[in-house]
Amino acid sequence: KKNAVKKADHIICISENTRKDLIRILGVNYNKTSVIYHGVLSNNYLKEIKFSQDEKPYILFVGSRGGYKNFRNLLSVFASKTFLKSNYKLVAFGGGPFSNYEIRLIRELGLSNKNIIQKSGDDNLLRNFYRGASLFIYPSLYEGFGLPPLEAMSCGCPVICSNSSSIPEITGNAAIYFDPKSLSSIYSALESILNNKTKRNELIIKGYKRIKYFQWRKCAKITLETYRELIKWKKLHYGQYFYKN
């Protein structure tokens, strides 16, 4: 990857945070980079499917769970608070079935399939889980961009997430933040939404506004413009050599 970066004429970064990391770690010239955000698909293209939901409400986690995704801290918070265990389930969507290590950890923490469940499926099923969740939580320690919070917002699901890396840059004022390394901070963020219907509804409205900044059509347009400008630059500096190669 380092060699590819050195050879590249230009580098498109998916967030300002990623650009800063690129410059800091690999010493890339700022003028050789640009930031083009990903888009989030409108949920209008997804089908409504029959969705049987248990009576107990649930908190939703989406994606892989290992390492920097910080799923272990989320489990620890969930297991340590009677309020959460008694009133909510924790749904982990995607990321594959729980590993043997995760199963042991869940048992050691005093949890079971009555408290936490793993689900897998396509985008249609995921959409319905977003729509039915009390909130979506994103405890990741690091993300270059992070699509799930925007997906949740597009489905009218309130978001709480880490205050680290690119996440605040992407979610803006449409999320409640916590320190992903602090169990008490994670719980405070959870409690602030689960016990406050007004605040929850405010987040949903802010989420719908936030996703308007992340459109795939806009992403494609700016990417095309970037390629065109680069071609002009190459022609200007290399002339006939550029056409031959």
Protein backbone atom coordinates (compact mmCIF):
# COMPACT_ATOMS: atom_id res chain seq x y z
CA LYS A 1 0.00 0.00 0.00
CA LYS A 2 2.87 2.36 0.80
CA ASN A 3 4.41 1.72 -2.62
CA ALA A 4 1.06 2.30 -4.32
CA VAL A 5 0.69 5.62 -2.49
CA LYS A 6 4.17 6.72 -3.61
CA LYS A 7 3.47 5.84 -7.26
CA ALA A 8 0.01 7.43 -7.37
CA ASP A 9 -0.49 10.77 -9.10
CA HIS A 10 -3.35 11.57 -6.76
CA ILE A 11 -4.99 9.98 -3.73
CA ILE A 12 -8.69 10.12 -2.89
CA CYS A 13 -9.36 9.83 0.83
CA ILE A 14 -12.72 8.89 2.30
CA SER A 15 -12.54 11.39 5.17
CA GLU A 16 -10.45 14.29 6.44
CA ASN A 17 -9.33 12.04 9.28
CA THR A 18 -8.03 9.49 6.78
CA ARG A 19 -6.20 12.23 4.88
CA LYS A 20 -4.53 13.43 8.08
CA ASP A 21 -3.45 9.87 8.89
CA LEU A 22 -2.09 9.40 5.38
CA ILE A 23 -0.04 12.59 5.58
CA ARG A 24 1.18 11.85 9.10
CA ILE A 25 2.11 8.20 8.56
CA LEU A 26 3.40 8.21 4.98
CA GLY A 27 4.45 11.83 4.56
CA VAL A 28 2.23 12.46 1.54
CA ASN A 29 2.00 16.01 0.19
CA TYR A 30 -1.36 17.57 1.07
CA ASN A 31 -1.82 18.84 -2.50
CA LYS A 32 -1.63 15.27 -3.78
CA THR A 33 -4.81 14.36 -1.87
CA SER A 34 -8.50 15.14 -1.84
CA VAL A 35 -11.45 14.00 0.27
CA ILE A 36 -14.55 12.49 -1.32
CA TYR A 37 -17.13 11.10 1.06
CA HIS A 38 -19.00 7.87 0.44
CA GLY A 39 -22.74 7.97 0.00
CA VAL A 40 -25.50 6.14 1.79
CA LEU A 41 -28.17 4.37 -0.20
CA SER A 42 -31.72 5.54 0.22
CA ASN A 43 -33.76 2.82 1.90
CA ASN A 44 -36.47 3.41 -0.72
CA TYR A 45 -34.93 0.75 -2.95
CA LEU A 46 -35.25 -1.88 -0.24
CA LYS A 47 -38.28 -4.08 0.11
CA GLU A 48 -40.59 -4.12 3.07
CA ILE A 49 -40.50 -7.62 4.51
CA LYS A 50 -42.41 -9.32 7.27
CA PHE A 51 -40.46 -8.74 10.42
CA SER A 52 -41.38 -10.54 13.61
CA GLN A 53 -39.98 -8.66 16.57
CA ASP A 54 -39.86 -9.96 20.13
CA GLU A 55 -41.79 -8.03 22.72
CA LYS A 56 -38.58 -6.93 24.41
CA PRO A 57 -36.96 -3.95 22.63
CA TYR A 58 -33.38 -4.23 21.43
CA ILE A 59 -30.14 -2.31 20.95
CA LEU A 60 -28.49 -2.91 17.57
CA PHE A 61 -24.83 -3.49 16.69
CA VAL A 62 -23.89 -4.09 13.05
CA GLY A 63 -20.82 -5.62 11.39
CA SER A 64 -17.69 -7.46 12.41
CA ARG A 65 -16.95 -7.62 16.12
CA GLY A 66 -13.23 -8.31 16.49
CA GLY A 67 -10.39 -6.09 17.71
CA TYR A 68 -10.88 -2.39 17.08
CA LYS A 69 -14.65 -2.84 16.66
CA ASN A 70 -14.74 -2.86 20.47
CA PHE A 71 -17.61 -5.30 20.82
CA ARG A 72 -16.15 -6.67 24.04
CA ASN A 73 -16.59 -3.35 25.85
CA LEU A 74 -20.18 -3.20 24.68
CA LEU A 75 -20.79 -6.69 26.06
CA SER A 76 -19.22 -5.68 29.37
CA VAL A 77 -21.46 -2.64 29.69
CA PHE A 78 -24.55 -4.60 28.78
CA ALA A 79 -23.72 -7.37 31.26
CA SER A 80 -22.97 -4.99 34.14
CA LYS A 81 -26.24 -3.03 34.08
CA THR A 82 -29.43 -4.64 35.32
CA PHE A 83 -31.44 -1.92 33.60
CA LEU A 84 -30.14 -3.05 30.20
CA LYS A 85 -30.35 -6.80 30.80
CA SER A 86 -33.87 -6.59 32.19
CA ASN A 87 -35.38 -4.33 29.56
CA TYR A 88 -33.45 -4.87 26.32
CA LYS A 89 -31.83 -7.42 24.09
CA LEU A 90 -28.57 -6.81 22.29
CA VAL A 91 -28.72 -7.79 18.60
CA ALA A 92 -25.46 -8.27 16.72
CA PHE A 93 -26.27 -8.20 13.01
CA GLY A 94 -23.71 -9.61 10.56
CA GLY A 95 -20.13 -10.51 11.35
CA GLY A 96 -20.86 -14.23 11.28
CA PRO A 97 -21.96 -16.52 14.13
CA PHE A 98 -20.45 -15.96 17.54
CA SER A 99 -17.00 -17.53 17.83
CA ASN A 100 -16.13 -19.99 20.58
CA TYR A 101 -14.28 -17.18 22.33
CA GLU A 102 -17.34 -14.91 22.18
CA ILE A 103 -19.62 -17.69 23.43
CA ARG A 104 -17.32 -18.26 26.42
CA LEU A 105 -17.14 -14.53 27.10
CA ILE A 106 -20.91 -14.15 26.94
CA ARG A 107 -21.31 -16.97 29.46
CA GLU A 108 -18.59 -15.58 31.74
CA LEU A 109 -20.38 -12.25 31.78
CA GLY A 110 -23.60 -13.94 32.86
CA LEU A 111 -25.40 -13.42 29.56
CA SER A 112 -27.24 -15.91 27.35
CA ASN A 113 -29.26 -16.08 24.16
CA LYS A 114 -32.09 -14.52 26.14
CA ASN A 115 -30.03 -11.33 26.36
CA ILE A 116 -27.93 -11.32 23.21
CA ILE A 117 -28.55 -12.76 19.76
CA GLN A 118 -26.70 -12.83 16.45
CA LYS A 119 -28.56 -12.33 13.19
CA SER A 120 -27.48 -12.47 9.54
CA GLY A 121 -29.24 -11.59 6.33
CA ASP A 122 -29.47 -9.27 3.34
CA ASP A 123 -29.96 -5.51 3.19
CA ASN A 124 -33.73 -5.87 3.39
CA LEU A 125 -33.53 -7.69 6.71
CA LEU A 126 -30.89 -5.29 8.01
CA ARG A 127 -33.11 -2.35 7.14
CA ASN A 128 -35.90 -3.79 9.23
CA PHE A 129 -33.57 -4.33 12.17
CA TYR A 130 -32.49 -0.69 11.93
CA ARG A 131 -36.11 0.42 11.81
CA GLY A 132 -37.11 -1.68 14.82
CA ALA A 133 -34.15 -0.89 17.10
CA SER A 134 -34.40 1.36 20.14
CA LEU A 135 -31.05 2.70 19.04
CA PHE A 136 -27.95 1.82 17.04
CA ILE A 137 -24.58 1.75 18.82
CA TYR A 138 -21.17 2.07 17.13
CA PRO A 139 -18.40 1.56 19.72
CA SER A 140 -15.53 1.23 17.22
CA LEU A 141 -12.11 2.51 18.29
CA TYR A 142 -11.17 3.54 14.75
CA GLU A 143 -12.90 4.01 11.41
CA GLY A 144 -11.73 5.56 8.17
CA PHE A 145 -15.35 6.43 7.39
CA GLY A 146 -18.02 4.15 8.85
CA LEU A 147 -21.22 3.53 6.89
CA PRO A 148 -23.46 1.81 9.51
CA PRO A 149 -24.29 5.01 11.46
CA LEU A 150 -25.49 6.66 8.24
CA GLU A 151 -27.45 3.54 7.31
CA ALA A 152 -29.13 3.66 10.70
CA MET A 153 -29.98 7.34 10.27
CA SER A 154 -31.49 6.68 6.84
CA CYS A 155 -33.86 4.18 8.50
CA GLY A 156 -34.95 6.51 11.30
CA CYS A 157 -32.83 4.85 13.98
CA PRO A 158 -31.13 7.08 16.60
CA VAL A 159 -27.34 6.70 16.79
CA ILE A 160 -24.82 6.74 19.62
CA CYS A 161 -21.18 6.25 18.73
CA SER A 162 -17.51 6.64 19.59
CA ASN A 163 -15.93 10.05 19.71
CA SER A 164 -12.82 8.70 17.95
CA SER A 165 -11.16 8.91 14.52
CA SER A 166 -13.45 9.91 11.62
CA ILE A 167 -16.74 9.05 13.31
CA PRO A 168 -17.67 12.55 14.63
CA GLU A 169 -16.68 14.00 11.25
CA ILE A 170 -19.21 11.76 9.52
CA THR A 171 -22.11 11.76 11.98
CA GLY A 172 -21.86 15.44 12.97
CA ASN A 173 -24.57 16.68 15.35
CA ALA A 174 -26.84 13.74 14.55
CA ALA A 175 -25.39 11.36 17.17
CA ILE A 176 -24.61 11.13 20.87
CA TYR A 177 -20.92 10.45 21.56
CA PHE A 178 -19.02 8.44 24.15
CA ASP A 179 -15.46 7.48 24.97
CA PRO A 180 -15.20 3.91 23.56
CA LYS A 181 -12.59 2.96 26.18
CA SER A 182 -14.79 4.02 29.10
CA LEU A 183 -17.57 1.65 30.17
CA SER A 184 -19.26 4.37 32.19
CA SER A 185 -19.21 6.73 29.20
CA ILE A 186 -20.80 4.09 26.96
CA TYR A 187 -23.53 3.43 29.51
CA SER A 188 -24.25 7.12 30.04
CA ALA A 189 -24.79 7.57 26.31
CA LEU A 190 -27.09 4.53 26.17
CA GLU A 191 -29.11 5.67 29.17
CA SER A 192 -29.43 9.24 27.86
CA ILE A 193 -31.35 8.02 24.80
CA LEU A 194 -33.20 5.00 26.17
CA ASN A 195 -34.70 7.09 28.98
CA ASN A 196 -35.49 10.17 26.93
CA LYS A 197 -38.08 9.85 24.16
CA THR A 198 -37.81 13.53 23.22
CA LYS A 199 -34.04 13.33 22.76
CA ARG A 200 -34.46 10.12 20.78
CA ASN A 201 -36.90 11.78 18.38
CA GLU A 202 -34.60 14.80 18.00
CA LEU A 203 -31.75 12.49 16.97
CA ILE A 204 -33.94 10.78 14.38
CA ILE A 205 -34.80 14.14 12.78
CA LYS A 206 -31.15 15.23 12.81
CA GLY A 207 -30.18 11.90 11.26
CA TYR A 208 -32.51 12.39 8.30
CA LYS A 209 -30.95 15.81 7.72
CA ARG A 210 -27.40 14.50 8.10
CA ILE A 211 -27.60 11.80 5.43
CA LYS A 212 -28.37 14.43 2.78
CA TYR A 213 -24.65 15.29 2.84
CA PHE A 214 -23.71 11.76 1.79
CA GLN A 215 -25.14 10.94 -1.64
CA TRP A 216 -23.62 8.41 -4.06
CA ARG A 217 -24.50 10.62 -7.04
CA LYS A 218 -22.47 13.44 -5.50
CA CYS A 219 -19.62 11.02 -4.73
CA ALA A 220 -19.57 9.79 -8.34
CA LYS A 221 -19.70 13.33 -9.77
CA ILE A 222 -16.78 14.62 -7.70
CA THR A 223 -14.76 11.46 -8.41
CA LEU A 224 -15.26 11.92 -12.15
CA GLU A 225 -14.24 15.57 -11.90
CA THR A 226 -11.10 14.54 -10.00
CA TYR A 227 -10.10 12.11 -12.78
CA ARG A 228 -10.72 14.76 -15.44
CA GLU A 229 -8.56 17.31 -13.63
CA LEU A 230 -5.81 14.72 -13.24
CA ILE A 231 -5.94 13.92 -16.97
CA LYS A 232 -5.62 17.63 -17.78
CA TRP A 233 -2.63 17.85 -15.47
CA LYS A 234 -0.98 14.82 -17.07
CA LYS A 235 -1.49 16.21 -20.57
CA LEU A 236 -0.07 19.56 -19.54
CA HIS A 237 3.06 18.09 -17.99
CA TYR A 238 3.72 15.09 -20.23
CA GLY A 239 2.19 16.11 -23.56
CA GLN A 240 2.46 13.55 -26.34
CA TYR A 241 4.08 11.01 -23.98
CA PHE A 242 0.81 10.83 -22.05
CA TYR A 243 -1.18 9.89 -25.18
CA LYS A 244 1.23 7.06 -26.01
CA ASN A 245 1.12 5.60 -22.53
